[in-house]
Amino acid sequence: MTTGLKTPNNYYIELITKLPPRPITNESELIATQNRINSILDKGFLTKEDRDYLKVLGILVYEYEEKHELIPTIRVVQLLKALQRFSVE
């Protein structure tokens, strides 16, 4: 017997219908997903369905960025010098 799986309510179905959660394969899909995330967050009050859906979208964005967004390696000294340029005296 499977437990923990519930039939999604109509609101959740509406969420996943507007932007079905699928692996992100290119920049335009990433932007569309980020826009969808922002539109939900802009509502203010989030339902459990909103939070569940955002979690799935967040995982998809994270997976895409891990593969495609290079984070430069920076040494501590370089970081401190870069931050020093922006410090307020």
PDB file of N, CA and C in Angstrom:
ATOM      1  N   MET A   1       0.840  -1.187   0.000  1.00  0.00           N
ATOM      2  CA  MET A   1       0.000   0.000   0.000  1.00  0.00           C
ATOM      3  C   MET A   1       0.877   1.240   0.000  1.00  0.00           C
ATOM      4  N   THR A   2       0.604   2.159  -0.902  1.00  0.00           N
ATOM      5  CA  THR A   2       1.353   3.404  -0.976  1.00  0.00           C
ATOM      6  C   THR A   2       0.711   4.426  -0.062  1.00  0.00           C
ATOM      7  N   THR A   3       1.532   5.068   0.747  1.00  0.00           N
ATOM      8  CA  THR A   3       1.018   6.113   1.618  1.00  0.00           C
ATOM      9  C   THR A   3       1.731   7.418   1.313  1.00  0.00           C
ATOM     10  N   GLY A   4       1.127   8.514   1.688  1.00  0.00           N
ATOM     11  CA  GLY A   4       1.752   9.809   1.512  1.00  0.00           C
ATOM     12  C   GLY A   4       1.438  10.478   0.185  1.00  0.00           C
ATOM     13  N   LEU A   5       0.956   9.729  -0.793  1.00  0.00           N
ATOM     14  CA  LEU A   5       0.610  10.334  -2.069  1.00  0.00           C
ATOM     15  C   LEU A   5      -0.869  10.676  -2.065  1.00  0.00           C
ATOM     16  N   LYS A   6      -1.141  11.945  -2.340  1.00  0.00           N
ATOM     17  CA  LYS A   6      -2.527  12.389  -2.349  1.00  0.00           C
ATOM     18  C   LYS A   6      -2.877  12.889  -3.734  1.00  0.00           C
ATOM     19  N   THR A   7      -4.122  12.792  -4.078  1.00  0.00           N
ATOM     20  CA  THR A   7      -4.587  13.350  -5.344  1.00  0.00           C
ATOM     21  C   THR A   7      -4.463  14.858  -5.256  1.00  0.00           C
ATOM     22  N   PRO A   8      -3.770  15.480  -6.225  1.00  0.00           N
ATOM     23  CA  PRO A   8      -3.604  16.938  -6.167  1.00  0.00           C
ATOM     24  C   PRO A   8      -4.931  17.663  -6.297  1.00  0.00           C
ATOM     25  N   ASN A   9      -5.041  18.772  -5.576  1.00  0.00           N
ATOM     26  CA  ASN A   9      -6.278  19.551  -5.677  1.00  0.00           C
ATOM     27  C   ASN A   9      -6.264  20.380  -6.961  1.00  0.00           C
ATOM     28  N   ASN A  10      -7.380  21.024  -7.242  1.00  0.00           N
ATOM     29  CA  ASN A  10      -7.526  21.772  -8.497  1.00  0.00           C
ATOM     30  C   ASN A  10      -6.505  22.895  -8.628  1.00  0.00           C
ATOM     31  N   TYR A  11      -6.188  23.551  -7.523  1.00  0.00           N
ATOM     32  CA  TYR A  11      -5.221  24.647  -7.578  1.00  0.00           C
ATOM     33  C   TYR A  11      -3.840  24.135  -7.987  1.00  0.00           C
ATOM     34  N   TYR A  12      -3.432  23.014  -7.433  1.00  0.00           N
ATOM     35  CA  TYR A  12      -2.123  22.458  -7.790  1.00  0.00           C
ATOM     36  C   TYR A  12      -2.106  22.039  -9.263  1.00  0.00           C
ATOM     37  N   ILE A  13      -3.188  21.470  -9.717  1.00  0.00           N
ATOM     38  CA  ILE A  13      -3.306  21.098 -11.137  1.00  0.00           C
ATOM     39  C   ILE A  13      -3.173  22.343 -12.007  1.00  0.00           C
ATOM     40  N   GLU A  14      -3.788  23.445 -11.579  1.00  0.00           N
ATOM     41  CA  GLU A  14      -3.680  24.705 -12.312  1.00  0.00           C
ATOM     42  C   GLU A  14      -2.222  25.181 -12.356  1.00  0.00           C
ATOM     43  N   LEU A  15      -1.510  25.081 -11.233  1.00  0.00           N
ATOM     44  CA  LEU A  15      -0.103  25.482 -11.191  1.00  0.00           C
ATOM     45  C   LEU A  15       0.735  24.689 -12.190  1.00  0.00           C
ATOM     46  N   ILE A  16       0.594  23.383 -12.157  1.00  0.00           N
ATOM     47  CA  ILE A  16       1.441  22.555 -13.017  1.00  0.00           C
ATOM     48  C   ILE A  16       1.000  22.573 -14.474  1.00  0.00           C
ATOM     49  N   THR A  17      -0.215  23.033 -14.732  1.00  0.00           N
ATOM     50  CA  THR A  17      -0.687  23.156 -16.103  1.00  0.00           C
ATOM     51  C   THR A  17      -0.087  24.388 -16.783  1.00  0.00           C
ATOM     52  N   LYS A  18       0.065  25.485 -16.019  1.00  0.00           N
ATOM     53  CA  LYS A  18       0.622  26.717 -16.589  1.00  0.00           C
ATOM     54  C   LYS A  18       2.078  26.541 -16.999  1.00  0.00           C
ATOM     55  N   LEU A  19       2.843  25.834 -16.183  1.00  0.00           N
ATOM     56  CA  LEU A  19       4.233  25.537 -16.526  1.00  0.00           C
ATOM     57  C   LEU A  19       4.540  24.149 -15.966  1.00  0.00           C
ATOM     58  N   PRO A  20       4.338  23.117 -16.776  1.00  0.00           N
ATOM     59  CA  PRO A  20       4.602  21.758 -16.287  1.00  0.00           C
ATOM     60  C   PRO A  20       6.070  21.605 -15.891  1.00  0.00           C
ATOM     61  N   PRO A  21       6.316  21.040 -14.718  1.00  0.00           N
ATOM     62  CA  PRO A  21       7.704  20.864 -14.275  1.00  0.00           C
ATOM     63  C   PRO A  21       8.411  19.794 -15.098  1.00  0.00           C
ATOM     64  N   ARG A  22       9.392  20.245 -15.881  1.00  0.00           N
ATOM     65  CA  ARG A  22      10.190  19.355 -16.723  1.00  0.00           C
ATOM     66  C   ARG A  22      11.637  19.803 -16.611  1.00  0.00           C
ATOM     67  N   PRO A  23      12.582  18.920 -16.885  1.00  0.00           N
ATOM     68  CA  PRO A  23      13.985  19.340 -16.850  1.00  0.00           C
ATOM     69  C   PRO A  23      14.215  20.538 -17.777  1.00  0.00           C
ATOM     70  N   ILE A  24      14.996  21.498 -17.309  1.00  0.00           N
ATOM     71  CA  ILE A  24      15.316  22.699 -18.079  1.00  0.00           C
ATOM     72  C   ILE A  24      16.477  22.369 -19.001  1.00  0.00           C
ATOM     73  N   THR A  25      16.314  22.674 -20.293  1.00  0.00           N
ATOM     74  CA  THR A  25      17.343  22.295 -21.262  1.00  0.00           C
ATOM     75  C   THR A  25      18.011  23.475 -21.957  1.00  0.00           C
ATOM     76  N   ASN A  26      17.477  24.698 -21.759  1.00  0.00           N
ATOM     77  CA  ASN A  26      18.097  25.851 -22.409  1.00  0.00           C
ATOM     78  C   ASN A  26      17.775  27.126 -21.634  1.00  0.00           C
ATOM     79  N   GLU A  27      18.407  28.209 -22.067  1.00  0.00           N
ATOM     80  CA  GLU A  27      18.285  29.492 -21.367  1.00  0.00           C
ATOM     81  C   GLU A  27      16.856  30.024 -21.365  1.00  0.00           C
ATOM     82  N   SER A  28      16.132  29.868 -22.463  1.00  0.00           N
ATOM     83  CA  SER A  28      14.757  30.384 -22.505  1.00  0.00           C
ATOM     84  C   SER A  28      13.847  29.627 -21.541  1.00  0.00           C
ATOM     85  N   GLU A  29      14.056  28.337 -21.397  1.00  0.00           N
ATOM     86  CA  GLU A  29      13.278  27.567 -20.414  1.00  0.00           C
ATOM     87  C   GLU A  29      13.649  27.987 -18.994  1.00  0.00           C
ATOM     88  N   LEU A  30      14.920  28.294 -18.781  1.00  0.00           N
ATOM     89  CA  LEU A  30      15.352  28.767 -17.465  1.00  0.00           C
ATOM     90  C   LEU A  30      14.666  30.080 -17.122  1.00  0.00           C
ATOM     91  N   ILE A  31      14.661  30.996 -18.071  1.00  0.00           N
ATOM     92  CA  ILE A  31      14.032  32.299 -17.835  1.00  0.00           C
ATOM     93  C   ILE A  31      12.536  32.147 -17.592  1.00  0.00           C
ATOM     94  N   ALA A  32      11.876  31.298 -18.357  1.00  0.00           N
ATOM     95  CA  ALA A  32      10.441  31.065 -18.165  1.00  0.00           C
ATOM     96  C   ALA A  32      10.171  30.491 -16.776  1.00  0.00           C
ATOM     97  N   THR A  33      11.022  29.587 -16.338  1.00  0.00           N
ATOM     98  CA  THR A  33      10.856  28.988 -15.010  1.00  0.00           C
ATOM     99  C   THR A  33      11.095  30.020 -13.927  1.00  0.00           C
ATOM    100  N   GLN A  34      12.129  30.836 -14.076  1.00  0.00           N
ATOM    101  CA  GLN A  34      12.408  31.884 -13.093  1.00  0.00           C
ATOM    102  C   GLN A  34      11.271  32.907 -13.047  1.00  0.00           C
ATOM    103  N   ASN A  35      10.710  33.241 -14.200  1.00  0.00           N
ATOM    104  CA  ASN A  35       9.571  34.161 -14.222  1.00  0.00           C
ATOM    105  C   ASN A  35       8.366  33.573 -13.509  1.00  0.00           C
ATOM    106  N   ARG A  36       8.153  32.293 -13.706  1.00  0.00           N
ATOM    107  CA  ARG A  36       7.023  31.620 -13.032  1.00  0.00           C
ATOM    108  C   ARG A  36       7.237  31.614 -11.522  1.00  0.00           C
ATOM    109  N   ILE A  37       8.464  31.333 -11.097  1.00  0.00           N
ATOM    110  CA  ILE A  37       8.791  31.363  -9.669  1.00  0.00           C
ATOM    111  C   ILE A  37       8.503  32.752  -9.104  1.00  0.00           C
ATOM    112  N   ASN A  38       8.974  33.788  -9.798  1.00  0.00           N
ATOM    113  CA  ASN A  38       8.771  35.158  -9.324  1.00  0.00           C
ATOM    114  C   ASN A  38       7.299  35.529  -9.256  1.00  0.00           C
ATOM    115  N   SER A  39       6.517  35.101 -10.240  1.00  0.00           N
ATOM    116  CA  SER A  39       5.091  35.443 -10.231  1.00  0.00           C
ATOM    117  C   SER A  39       4.376  34.807  -9.041  1.00  0.00           C
ATOM    118  N   ILE A  40       4.786  33.629  -8.658  1.00  0.00           N
ATOM    119  CA  ILE A  40       4.175  32.978  -7.492  1.00  0.00           C
ATOM    120  C   ILE A  40       4.635  33.676  -6.214  1.00  0.00           C
ATOM    121  N   LEU A  41       5.927  33.981  -6.126  1.00  0.00           N
ATOM    122  CA  LEU A  41       6.445  34.650  -4.932  1.00  0.00           C
ATOM    123  C   LEU A  41       5.847  36.040  -4.752  1.00  0.00           C
ATOM    124  N   ASP A  42       5.533  36.712  -5.855  1.00  0.00           N
ATOM    125  CA  ASP A  42       4.962  38.057  -5.782  1.00  0.00           C
ATOM    126  C   ASP A  42       3.566  38.078  -5.165  1.00  0.00           C
ATOM    127  N   LYS A  43       2.909  36.927  -5.112  1.00  0.00           N
ATOM    128  CA  LYS A  43       1.576  36.861  -4.514  1.00  0.00           C
ATOM    129  C   LYS A  43       1.601  37.215  -3.035  1.00  0.00           C
ATOM    130  N   GLY A  44       2.727  36.963  -2.391  1.00  0.00           N
ATOM    131  CA  GLY A  44       2.814  37.226  -0.956  1.00  0.00           C
ATOM    132  C   GLY A  44       2.519  35.977  -0.161  1.00  0.00           C
ATOM    133  N   PHE A  45       1.252  35.740   0.114  1.00  0.00           N
ATOM    134  CA  PHE A  45       0.866  34.549   0.876  1.00  0.00           C
ATOM    135  C   PHE A  45       0.995  33.317  -0.008  1.00  0.00           C
ATOM    136  N   LEU A  46       1.736  32.325   0.478  1.00  0.00           N
ATOM    137  CA  LEU A  46       1.929  31.095  -0.287  1.00  0.00           C
ATOM    138  C   LEU A  46       1.193  29.941   0.371  1.00  0.00           C
ATOM    139  N   THR A  47       0.471  29.204  -0.436  1.00  0.00           N
ATOM    140  CA  THR A  47      -0.210  28.016   0.057  1.00  0.00           C
ATOM    141  C   THR A  47       0.781  26.852   0.094  1.00  0.00           C
ATOM    142  N   LYS A  48       0.368  25.744   0.665  1.00  0.00           N
ATOM    143  CA  LYS A  48       1.205  24.547   0.655  1.00  0.00           C
ATOM    144  C   LYS A  48       1.469  24.115  -0.777  1.00  0.00           C
ATOM    145  N   GLU A  49       0.460  24.238  -1.624  1.00  0.00           N
ATOM    146  CA  GLU A  49       0.624  23.877  -3.030  1.00  0.00           C
ATOM    147  C   GLU A  49       1.670  24.761  -3.707  1.00  0.00           C
ATOM    148  N   ASP A  50       1.620  26.072  -3.408  1.00  0.00           N
ATOM    149  CA  ASP A  50       2.630  26.986  -3.950  1.00  0.00           C
ATOM    150  C   ASP A  50       4.021  26.562  -3.515  1.00  0.00           C
ATOM    151  N   ARG A  51       4.178  26.279  -2.233  1.00  0.00           N
ATOM    152  CA  ARG A  51       5.492  25.898  -1.700  1.00  0.00           C
ATOM    153  C   ARG A  51       5.988  24.590  -2.311  1.00  0.00           C
ATOM    154  N   ASP A  52       5.101  23.627  -2.453  1.00  0.00           N
ATOM    155  CA  ASP A  52       5.485  22.350  -3.066  1.00  0.00           C
ATOM    156  C   ASP A  52       5.939  22.543  -4.512  1.00  0.00           C
ATOM    157  N   TYR A  53       5.174  23.314  -5.256  1.00  0.00           N
ATOM    158  CA  TYR A  53       5.492  23.573  -6.663  1.00  0.00           C
ATOM    159  C   TYR A  53       6.797  24.360  -6.790  1.00  0.00           C
ATOM    160  N   LEU A  54       6.981  25.362  -5.942  1.00  0.00           N
ATOM    161  CA  LEU A  54       8.215  26.146  -5.955  1.00  0.00           C
ATOM    162  C   LEU A  54       9.432  25.285  -5.631  1.00  0.00           C
ATOM    163  N   LYS A  55       9.250  24.333  -4.745  1.00  0.00           N
ATOM    164  CA  LYS A  55      10.351  23.439  -4.406  1.00  0.00           C
ATOM    165  C   LYS A  55      10.781  22.628  -5.635  1.00  0.00           C
ATOM    166  N   VAL A  56       9.819  22.116  -6.373  1.00  0.00           N
ATOM    167  CA  VAL A  56      10.122  21.348  -7.582  1.00  0.00           C
ATOM    168  C   VAL A  56      10.804  22.238  -8.622  1.00  0.00           C
ATOM    169  N   LEU A  57      10.261  23.436  -8.843  1.00  0.00           N
ATOM    170  CA  LEU A  57      10.873  24.343  -9.810  1.00  0.00           C
ATOM    171  C   LEU A  57      12.281  24.742  -9.374  1.00  0.00           C
ATOM    172  N   GLY A  58      12.461  24.954  -8.079  1.00  0.00           N
ATOM    173  CA  GLY A  58      13.782  25.304  -7.559  1.00  0.00           C
ATOM    174  C   GLY A  58      14.803  24.212  -7.803  1.00  0.00           C
ATOM    175  N   ILE A  59      14.401  22.972  -7.649  1.00  0.00           N
ATOM    176  CA  ILE A  59      15.296  21.838  -7.913  1.00  0.00           C
ATOM    177  C   ILE A  59      15.686  21.819  -9.389  1.00  0.00           C
ATOM    178  N   LEU A  60      14.715  22.068 -10.264  1.00  0.00           N
ATOM    179  CA  LEU A  60      14.998  22.066 -11.704  1.00  0.00           C
ATOM    180  C   LEU A  60      15.963  23.196 -12.084  1.00  0.00           C
ATOM    181  N   VAL A  61      15.763  24.380 -11.502  1.00  0.00           N
ATOM    182  CA  VAL A  61      16.668  25.506 -11.760  1.00  0.00           C
ATOM    183  C   VAL A  61      18.066  25.173 -11.245  1.00  0.00           C
ATOM    184  N   TYR A  62      18.135  24.634 -10.037  1.00  0.00           N
ATOM    185  CA  TYR A  62      19.429  24.280  -9.441  1.00  0.00           C
ATOM    186  C   TYR A  62      20.180  23.276 -10.323  1.00  0.00           C
ATOM    187  N   GLU A  63      19.483  22.251 -10.779  1.00  0.00           N
ATOM    188  CA  GLU A  63      20.121  21.231 -11.619  1.00  0.00           C
ATOM    189  C   GLU A  63      20.640  21.830 -12.927  1.00  0.00           C
ATOM    190  N   TYR A  64      19.866  22.716 -13.526  1.00  0.00           N
ATOM    191  CA  TYR A  64      20.312  23.350 -14.774  1.00  0.00           C
ATOM    192  C   TYR A  64      21.539  24.216 -14.508  1.00  0.00           C
ATOM    193  N   GLU A  65      21.488  25.030 -13.466  1.00  0.00           N
ATOM    194  CA  GLU A  65      22.595  25.937 -13.174  1.00  0.00           C
ATOM    195  C   GLU A  65      23.862  25.177 -12.791  1.00  0.00           C
ATOM    196  N   GLU A  66      23.720  24.060 -12.123  1.00  0.00           N
ATOM    197  CA  GLU A  66      24.893  23.253 -11.768  1.00  0.00           C
ATOM    198  C   GLU A  66      25.631  22.775 -13.021  1.00  0.00           C
ATOM    199  N   LYS A  67      24.890  22.491 -14.075  1.00  0.00           N
ATOM    200  CA  LYS A  67      25.498  21.989 -15.310  1.00  0.00           C
ATOM    201  C   LYS A  67      25.964  23.104 -16.236  1.00  0.00           C
ATOM    202  N   HIS A  68      25.264  24.252 -16.234  1.00  0.00           N
ATOM    203  CA  HIS A  68      25.498  25.253 -17.262  1.00  0.00           C
ATOM    204  C   HIS A  68      26.055  26.592 -16.783  1.00  0.00           C
ATOM    205  N   GLU A  69      25.929  26.897 -15.528  1.00  0.00           N
ATOM    206  CA  GLU A  69      26.411  28.177 -15.018  1.00  0.00           C
ATOM    207  C   GLU A  69      27.742  27.960 -14.309  1.00  0.00           C
ATOM    208  N   LEU A  70      28.800  28.445 -14.920  1.00  0.00           N
ATOM    209  CA  LEU A  70      30.116  28.284 -14.332  1.00  0.00           C
ATOM    210  C   LEU A  70      30.348  29.351 -13.273  1.00  0.00           C
ATOM    211  N   ILE A  71      30.773  28.919 -12.116  1.00  0.00           N
ATOM    212  CA  ILE A  71      31.126  29.829 -11.038  1.00  0.00           C
ATOM    213  C   ILE A  71      32.642  29.904 -11.007  1.00  0.00           C
ATOM    214  N   PRO A  72      33.186  31.092 -11.225  1.00  0.00           N
ATOM    215  CA  PRO A  72      34.639  31.193 -11.281  1.00  0.00           C
ATOM    216  C   PRO A  72      35.276  30.890  -9.926  1.00  0.00           C
ATOM    217  N   THR A  73      36.437  30.264  -9.994  1.00  0.00           N
ATOM    218  CA  THR A  73      37.206  30.018  -8.782  1.00  0.00           C
ATOM    219  C   THR A  73      37.933  31.309  -8.444  1.00  0.00           C
ATOM    220  N   ILE A  74      37.781  31.738  -7.209  1.00  0.00           N
ATOM    221  CA  ILE A  74      38.431  32.976  -6.784  1.00  0.00           C
ATOM    222  C   ILE A  74      39.127  32.729  -5.455  1.00  0.00           C
ATOM    223  N   ARG A  75      40.309  33.206  -5.351  1.00  0.00           N
ATOM    224  CA  ARG A  75      41.075  33.046  -4.124  1.00  0.00           C
ATOM    225  C   ARG A  75      40.630  34.104  -3.116  1.00  0.00           C
ATOM    226  N   VAL A  76      40.860  33.833  -1.861  1.00  0.00           N
ATOM    227  CA  VAL A  76      40.428  34.714  -0.779  1.00  0.00           C
ATOM    228  C   VAL A  76      41.009  36.116  -0.963  1.00  0.00           C
ATOM    229  N   VAL A  77      42.264  36.204  -1.308  1.00  0.00           N
ATOM    230  CA  VAL A  77      42.905  37.506  -1.476  1.00  0.00           C
ATOM    231  C   VAL A  77      42.220  38.286  -2.597  1.00  0.00           C
ATOM    232  N   GLN A  78      41.905  37.621  -3.700  1.00  0.00           N
ATOM    233  CA  GLN A  78      41.223  38.284  -4.808  1.00  0.00           C
ATOM    234  C   GLN A  78      39.843  38.769  -4.371  1.00  0.00           C
ATOM    235  N   LEU A  79      39.150  37.961  -3.606  1.00  0.00           N
ATOM    236  CA  LEU A  79      37.820  38.322  -3.125  1.00  0.00           C
ATOM    237  C   LEU A  79      37.895  39.543  -2.227  1.00  0.00           C
ATOM    238  N   LEU A  80      38.833  39.550  -1.308  1.00  0.00           N
ATOM    239  CA  LEU A  80      38.967  40.686  -0.402  1.00  0.00           C
ATOM    240  C   LEU A  80      39.304  41.970  -1.157  1.00  0.00           C
ATOM    241  N   LYS A  81      40.162  41.881  -2.146  1.00  0.00           N
ATOM    242  CA  LYS A  81      40.503  43.056  -2.952  1.00  0.00           C
ATOM    243  C   LYS A  81      39.276  43.560  -3.713  1.00  0.00           C
ATOM    244  N   ALA A  82      38.501  42.642  -4.262  1.00  0.00           N
ATOM    245  CA  ALA A  82      37.299  43.032  -4.996  1.00  0.00           C
ATOM    246  C   ALA A  82      36.279  43.681  -4.065  1.00  0.00           C
ATOM    247  N   LEU A  83      36.112  43.135  -2.875  1.00  0.00           N
ATOM    248  CA  LEU A  83      35.166  43.692  -1.914  1.00  0.00           C
ATOM    249  C   LEU A  83      35.626  45.044  -1.395  1.00  0.00           C
ATOM    250  N   GLN A  84      36.933  45.211  -1.271  1.00  0.00           N
ATOM    251  CA  GLN A  84      37.491  46.452  -0.752  1.00  0.00           C
ATOM    252  C   GLN A  84      37.147  47.626  -1.669  1.00  0.00           C
ATOM    253  N   ARG A  85      37.069  47.375  -2.967  1.00  0.00           N
ATOM    254  CA  ARG A  85      36.724  48.428  -3.910  1.00  0.00           C
ATOM    255  C   ARG A  85      35.322  48.954  -3.696  1.00  0.00           C
ATOM    256  N   PHE A  86      34.445  48.122  -3.098  1.00  0.00           N
ATOM    257  CA  PHE A  86      33.062  48.525  -2.893  1.00  0.00           C
ATOM    258  C   PHE A  86      32.772  48.981  -1.473  1.00  0.00           C
ATOM    259  N   SER A  87      33.785  48.986  -0.618  1.00  0.00           N
ATOM    260  CA  SER A  87      33.554  49.370   0.777  1.00  0.00           C
ATOM    261  C   SER A  87      33.303  50.859   0.894  1.00  0.00           C
ATOM    262  N   VAL A  88      32.476  51.209   1.851  1.00  0.00           N
ATOM    263  CA  VAL A  88      32.140  52.607   2.110  1.00  0.00           C
ATOM    264  C   VAL A  88      33.063  53.106   3.203  1.00  0.00           C
ATOM    265  N   GLU A  89      33.636  54.263   2.963  1.00  0.00           N
ATOM    266  CA  GLU A  89      34.556  54.820   3.979  1.00  0.00           C
ATOM    267  C   GLU A  89      33.820  55.766   4.878  1.00  0.00           C
TER     268      GLU A  89
END
